[in-house]
Amino acid sequence: MSHIDKRASLRFAAFRHLSTVPMNDRQKFIVNMFQHAWKGYKQSAWGHDHAHPISKTSDDWFGVALTMLDAVDTMYIMGLETGLCEGLALEIAIFNENISTLDI
């Protein structure tokens, strides 16, 4: 776990209870489908704005991992701490890189 991942994990430690809430079959199915989509994004489009699941390719509109930004709140609500920390670490790295290239 990287330095950034550890800090993010500590910040979200108070919300671990979300993943231990008893879930009915429908909720489990939805979480499993989200995890399936997340795995596909990580395999074929990690760090890119948009995933093309059929062709297993990606493209960038703004270069800030828009799919990731869209998924962070869902992971938070579902209590998927590992994915949340991965996503936040990636976003921090992207934004740090973008900020370092600005002419200020």
N, C-alpha and C. Protein backbone atom coordinates (compact mmCIF):
# COMPACT_ATOMS: atom_id res chain seq x y z
N MET A 1 0.85 -1.17 0.00
CA MET A 1 0.00 0.00 0.00
C MET A 1 0.90 1.24 0.00
N SER A 2 0.63 2.16 -0.90
CA SER A 2 1.47 3.35 -1.01
C SER A 2 1.16 4.34 0.10
N HIS A 3 2.02 5.36 0.19
CA HIS A 3 1.87 6.42 1.18
C HIS A 3 0.50 7.08 1.06
N ILE A 4 0.08 7.37 -0.18
CA ILE A 4 -1.22 8.02 -0.42
C ILE A 4 -2.35 7.08 -0.02
N ASP A 5 -2.25 5.79 -0.39
CA ASP A 5 -3.30 4.83 -0.05
C ASP A 5 -3.51 4.74 1.45
N LYS A 6 -2.42 4.75 2.22
CA LYS A 6 -2.53 4.65 3.68
C LYS A 6 -3.27 5.86 4.24
N ARG A 7 -2.94 7.05 3.74
CA ARG A 7 -3.63 8.25 4.24
C ARG A 7 -5.11 8.21 3.88
N ALA A 8 -5.42 7.82 2.66
CA ALA A 8 -6.82 7.75 2.25
C ALA A 8 -7.56 6.71 3.08
N SER A 9 -6.92 5.59 3.34
CA SER A 9 -7.54 4.53 4.13
C SER A 9 -7.85 5.02 5.54
N LEU A 10 -6.95 5.79 6.11
CA LEU A 10 -7.18 6.32 7.46
C LEU A 10 -8.34 7.29 7.46
N ARG A 11 -8.45 8.12 6.43
CA ARG A 11 -9.54 9.10 6.36
C ARG A 11 -10.90 8.42 6.30
N PHE A 12 -10.96 7.26 5.63
CA PHE A 12 -12.23 6.59 5.43
C PHE A 12 -12.46 5.46 6.42
N ALA A 13 -11.60 5.32 7.40
CA ALA A 13 -11.74 4.24 8.38
C ALA A 13 -13.07 4.33 9.12
N ALA A 14 -13.56 5.53 9.34
CA ALA A 14 -14.81 5.70 10.07
C ALA A 14 -16.01 5.17 9.29
N PHE A 15 -15.84 4.95 8.00
CA PHE A 15 -16.96 4.54 7.17
C PHE A 15 -16.92 3.05 6.82
N ARG A 16 -16.06 2.29 7.47
CA ARG A 16 -15.96 0.86 7.19
C ARG A 16 -17.26 0.14 7.53
N HIS A 17 -18.04 0.71 8.42
CA HIS A 17 -19.30 0.06 8.79
C HIS A 17 -20.23 -0.10 7.61
N LEU A 18 -20.06 0.72 6.57
CA LEU A 18 -20.95 0.62 5.42
C LEU A 18 -20.87 -0.75 4.76
N SER A 19 -19.68 -1.34 4.73
CA SER A 19 -19.53 -2.63 4.06
C SER A 19 -19.97 -3.80 4.93
N THR A 20 -20.26 -3.56 6.19
CA THR A 20 -20.69 -4.65 7.06
C THR A 20 -22.20 -4.65 7.29
N VAL A 21 -22.90 -3.73 6.67
CA VAL A 21 -24.35 -3.67 6.79
C VAL A 21 -24.93 -4.90 6.09
N PRO A 22 -25.83 -5.64 6.75
CA PRO A 22 -26.42 -6.82 6.10
C PRO A 22 -27.10 -6.40 4.79
N MET A 23 -26.86 -7.17 3.74
CA MET A 23 -27.43 -6.84 2.44
C MET A 23 -28.38 -7.94 2.00
N ASN A 24 -29.46 -7.54 1.36
CA ASN A 24 -30.36 -8.53 0.79
C ASN A 24 -29.80 -8.99 -0.56
N ASP A 25 -30.43 -9.95 -1.18
CA ASP A 25 -29.92 -10.53 -2.43
C ASP A 25 -29.81 -9.48 -3.55
N ARG A 26 -30.75 -8.58 -3.63
CA ARG A 26 -30.73 -7.54 -4.67
C ARG A 26 -29.52 -6.62 -4.48
N GLN A 27 -29.27 -6.21 -3.24
CA GLN A 27 -28.12 -5.35 -2.96
C GLN A 27 -26.81 -6.06 -3.28
N LYS A 28 -26.71 -7.33 -2.91
CA LYS A 28 -25.50 -8.11 -3.20
C LYS A 28 -25.28 -8.21 -4.71
N PHE A 29 -26.36 -8.41 -5.45
CA PHE A 29 -26.27 -8.51 -6.90
C PHE A 29 -25.74 -7.19 -7.49
N ILE A 30 -26.27 -6.08 -7.02
CA ILE A 30 -25.85 -4.77 -7.52
C ILE A 30 -24.38 -4.51 -7.21
N VAL A 31 -23.95 -4.82 -5.99
CA VAL A 31 -22.54 -4.65 -5.63
C VAL A 31 -21.66 -5.53 -6.50
N ASN A 32 -22.08 -6.77 -6.73
CA ASN A 32 -21.30 -7.68 -7.59
C ASN A 32 -21.20 -7.15 -9.02
N MET A 33 -22.27 -6.59 -9.54
CA MET A 33 -22.25 -6.03 -10.89
C MET A 33 -21.33 -4.80 -10.96
N PHE A 34 -21.37 -3.97 -9.92
CA PHE A 34 -20.47 -2.82 -9.89
C PHE A 34 -19.02 -3.30 -9.86
N GLN A 35 -18.73 -4.31 -9.04
CA GLN A 35 -17.37 -4.83 -8.96
C GLN A 35 -16.92 -5.43 -10.29
N HIS A 36 -17.83 -6.06 -11.01
CA HIS A 36 -17.52 -6.59 -12.33
C HIS A 36 -17.14 -5.45 -13.28
N ALA A 37 -17.93 -4.39 -13.29
CA ALA A 37 -17.65 -3.24 -14.15
C ALA A 37 -16.33 -2.57 -13.75
N TRP A 38 -16.10 -2.47 -12.45
CA TRP A 38 -14.87 -1.85 -11.94
C TRP A 38 -13.65 -2.65 -12.40
N LYS A 39 -13.74 -3.97 -12.33
CA LYS A 39 -12.64 -4.84 -12.77
C LYS A 39 -12.36 -4.61 -14.26
N GLY A 40 -13.41 -4.51 -15.06
CA GLY A 40 -13.24 -4.24 -16.49
C GLY A 40 -12.59 -2.90 -16.75
N TYR A 41 -13.00 -1.89 -16.00
CA TYR A 41 -12.39 -0.56 -16.14
C TYR A 41 -10.90 -0.63 -15.80
N LYS A 42 -10.57 -1.30 -14.71
CA LYS A 42 -9.17 -1.40 -14.30
C LYS A 42 -8.33 -2.13 -15.35
N GLN A 43 -8.91 -3.15 -15.97
CA GLN A 43 -8.16 -3.95 -16.94
C GLN A 43 -7.98 -3.24 -18.29
N SER A 44 -8.99 -2.50 -18.73
CA SER A 44 -8.92 -1.97 -20.10
C SER A 44 -8.86 -0.44 -20.20
N ALA A 45 -9.13 0.26 -19.12
CA ALA A 45 -9.19 1.72 -19.26
C ALA A 45 -8.65 2.47 -18.06
N TRP A 46 -7.89 1.82 -17.20
CA TRP A 46 -7.40 2.44 -15.96
C TRP A 46 -6.75 3.79 -16.22
N GLY A 47 -7.26 4.82 -15.55
CA GLY A 47 -6.71 6.16 -15.67
C GLY A 47 -7.22 6.96 -16.84
N HIS A 48 -8.09 6.36 -17.64
CA HIS A 48 -8.64 7.07 -18.80
C HIS A 48 -10.04 7.55 -18.48
N ASP A 49 -10.50 8.49 -19.29
CA ASP A 49 -11.81 9.09 -19.04
C ASP A 49 -12.97 8.16 -19.33
N HIS A 50 -12.89 7.41 -20.40
CA HIS A 50 -14.05 6.65 -20.85
C HIS A 50 -13.62 5.26 -21.29
N ALA A 51 -14.35 4.26 -20.83
CA ALA A 51 -14.08 2.87 -21.20
C ALA A 51 -15.03 2.43 -22.30
N HIS A 52 -14.52 1.63 -23.22
CA HIS A 52 -15.33 0.98 -24.24
C HIS A 52 -15.29 -0.51 -23.94
N PRO A 53 -16.27 -1.03 -23.20
CA PRO A 53 -16.20 -2.39 -22.69
C PRO A 53 -16.18 -3.49 -23.76
N ILE A 54 -16.84 -3.28 -24.87
CA ILE A 54 -16.88 -4.33 -25.89
C ILE A 54 -15.52 -4.47 -26.58
N SER A 55 -14.94 -3.33 -26.98
CA SER A 55 -13.64 -3.38 -27.66
C SER A 55 -12.47 -3.41 -26.67
N LYS A 56 -12.77 -3.24 -25.40
CA LYS A 56 -11.75 -3.21 -24.34
C LYS A 56 -10.69 -2.15 -24.62
N THR A 57 -11.17 -0.98 -25.05
CA THR A 57 -10.29 0.16 -25.30
C THR A 57 -10.80 1.34 -24.47
N SER A 58 -10.13 2.45 -24.60
CA SER A 58 -10.53 3.64 -23.84
C SER A 58 -10.21 4.88 -24.65
N ASP A 59 -10.72 6.00 -24.19
CA ASP A 59 -10.34 7.29 -24.76
C ASP A 59 -10.37 8.35 -23.67
N ASP A 60 -9.83 9.48 -23.99
CA ASP A 60 -9.76 10.58 -23.02
C ASP A 60 -10.43 11.82 -23.59
N TRP A 61 -11.29 12.40 -22.80
CA TRP A 61 -11.89 13.67 -23.16
C TRP A 61 -11.12 14.81 -22.49
N PHE A 62 -10.83 14.64 -21.21
CA PHE A 62 -10.14 15.68 -20.46
C PHE A 62 -8.85 15.19 -19.81
N GLY A 63 -8.62 13.89 -19.80
CA GLY A 63 -7.41 13.33 -19.22
C GLY A 63 -7.38 13.35 -17.70
N VAL A 64 -8.55 13.22 -17.07
CA VAL A 64 -8.63 13.24 -15.60
C VAL A 64 -9.35 12.02 -15.03
N ALA A 65 -9.44 10.95 -15.80
CA ALA A 65 -10.10 9.72 -15.36
C ALA A 65 -11.55 9.98 -14.93
N LEU A 66 -12.34 10.50 -15.86
CA LEU A 66 -13.73 10.84 -15.55
C LEU A 66 -14.54 9.65 -15.02
N THR A 67 -14.31 8.46 -15.57
CA THR A 67 -15.02 7.28 -15.08
C THR A 67 -14.74 7.06 -13.61
N MET A 68 -13.49 7.27 -13.24
CA MET A 68 -13.08 7.12 -11.84
C MET A 68 -13.82 8.15 -10.96
N LEU A 69 -13.83 9.39 -11.41
CA LEU A 69 -14.51 10.43 -10.62
C LEU A 69 -15.98 10.10 -10.44
N ASP A 70 -16.58 9.55 -11.47
CA ASP A 70 -17.99 9.18 -11.39
C ASP A 70 -18.23 8.01 -10.44
N ALA A 71 -17.26 7.11 -10.33
CA ALA A 71 -17.43 5.89 -9.53
C ALA A 71 -17.10 6.07 -8.05
N VAL A 72 -16.36 7.11 -7.70
CA VAL A 72 -15.89 7.26 -6.31
C VAL A 72 -17.05 7.33 -5.32
N ASP A 73 -18.08 8.09 -5.61
CA ASP A 73 -19.19 8.19 -4.65
C ASP A 73 -19.95 6.87 -4.54
N THR A 74 -20.05 6.13 -5.64
CA THR A 74 -20.72 4.83 -5.59
C THR A 74 -19.93 3.86 -4.71
N MET A 75 -18.61 3.86 -4.87
CA MET A 75 -17.77 2.98 -4.04
C MET A 75 -17.90 3.36 -2.57
N TYR A 76 -17.98 4.63 -2.29
CA TYR A 76 -18.13 5.11 -0.92
C TYR A 76 -19.43 4.59 -0.31
N ILE A 77 -20.52 4.75 -1.05
CA ILE A 77 -21.83 4.31 -0.56
C ILE A 77 -21.87 2.80 -0.37
N MET A 78 -21.22 2.06 -1.28
CA MET A 78 -21.23 0.60 -1.19
C MET A 78 -20.23 0.06 -0.18
N GLY A 79 -19.40 0.93 0.38
CA GLY A 79 -18.42 0.49 1.36
C GLY A 79 -17.24 -0.24 0.75
N LEU A 80 -16.96 0.03 -0.52
CA LEU A 80 -15.85 -0.63 -1.22
C LEU A 80 -14.57 0.18 -1.01
N GLU A 81 -14.02 0.03 0.18
CA GLU A 81 -12.88 0.86 0.59
C GLU A 81 -11.65 0.67 -0.28
N THR A 82 -11.35 -0.56 -0.68
CA THR A 82 -10.16 -0.81 -1.50
C THR A 82 -10.24 -0.05 -2.81
N GLY A 83 -11.36 -0.19 -3.51
CA GLY A 83 -11.54 0.53 -4.76
C GLY A 83 -11.53 2.03 -4.57
N LEU A 84 -12.13 2.48 -3.49
CA LEU A 84 -12.16 3.90 -3.20
C LEU A 84 -10.76 4.45 -3.01
N CYS A 85 -9.94 3.75 -2.25
CA CYS A 85 -8.55 4.19 -2.02
C CYS A 85 -7.74 4.15 -3.31
N GLU A 86 -7.95 3.11 -4.13
CA GLU A 86 -7.26 3.04 -5.42
C GLU A 86 -7.65 4.23 -6.30
N GLY A 87 -8.93 4.52 -6.34
CA GLY A 87 -9.42 5.62 -7.16
C GLY A 87 -8.91 6.96 -6.68
N LEU A 88 -8.94 7.18 -5.40
CA LEU A 88 -8.46 8.46 -4.87
C LEU A 88 -6.96 8.61 -5.09
N ALA A 89 -6.20 7.54 -4.94
CA ALA A 89 -4.76 7.60 -5.18
C ALA A 89 -4.48 7.95 -6.64
N LEU A 90 -5.23 7.35 -7.56
CA LEU A 90 -5.05 7.66 -8.97
C LEU A 90 -5.39 9.11 -9.26
N GLU A 91 -6.53 9.57 -8.74
CA GLU A 91 -6.93 10.96 -8.99
C GLU A 91 -5.91 11.95 -8.42
N ILE A 92 -5.40 11.67 -7.25
CA ILE A 92 -4.39 12.55 -6.65
C ILE A 92 -3.16 12.60 -7.55
N ALA A 93 -2.73 11.45 -8.04
CA ALA A 93 -1.56 11.40 -8.93
C ALA A 93 -1.81 12.18 -10.22
N ILE A 94 -3.00 12.01 -10.81
CA ILE A 94 -3.33 12.72 -12.05
C ILE A 94 -3.36 14.22 -11.82
N PHE A 95 -4.02 14.66 -10.75
CA PHE A 95 -4.11 16.09 -10.51
C PHE A 95 -2.76 16.69 -10.14
N ASN A 96 -1.95 15.95 -9.39
CA ASN A 96 -0.60 16.44 -9.08
C ASN A 96 0.22 16.60 -10.35
N GLU A 97 0.10 15.64 -11.26
CA GLU A 97 0.82 15.72 -12.52
C GLU A 97 0.34 16.91 -13.34
N ASN A 98 -0.98 17.10 -13.41
CA ASN A 98 -1.54 18.22 -14.16
C ASN A 98 -1.13 19.56 -13.57
N ILE A 99 -1.13 19.65 -12.25
CA ILE A 99 -0.74 20.90 -11.60
C ILE A 99 0.74 21.21 -11.84
N SER A 100 1.58 20.18 -11.83
CA SER A 100 3.01 20.40 -12.00
C SER A 100 3.35 20.86 -13.42
N THR A 101 2.45 20.63 -14.39
CA THR A 101 2.72 21.06 -15.76
C THR A 101 2.17 22.45 -16.07
N LEU A 102 1.47 23.06 -15.14
CA LEU A 102 0.92 24.39 -15.35
C LEU A 102 2.03 25.44 -15.32
N ASP A 103 1.89 26.42 -16.15
CA ASP A 103 2.82 27.56 -16.14
C ASP A 103 2.24 28.64 -15.23
N ILE A 104 2.71 28.66 -14.02
CA ILE A 104 2.18 29.64 -13.05
C ILE A 104 3.27 30.66 -12.75
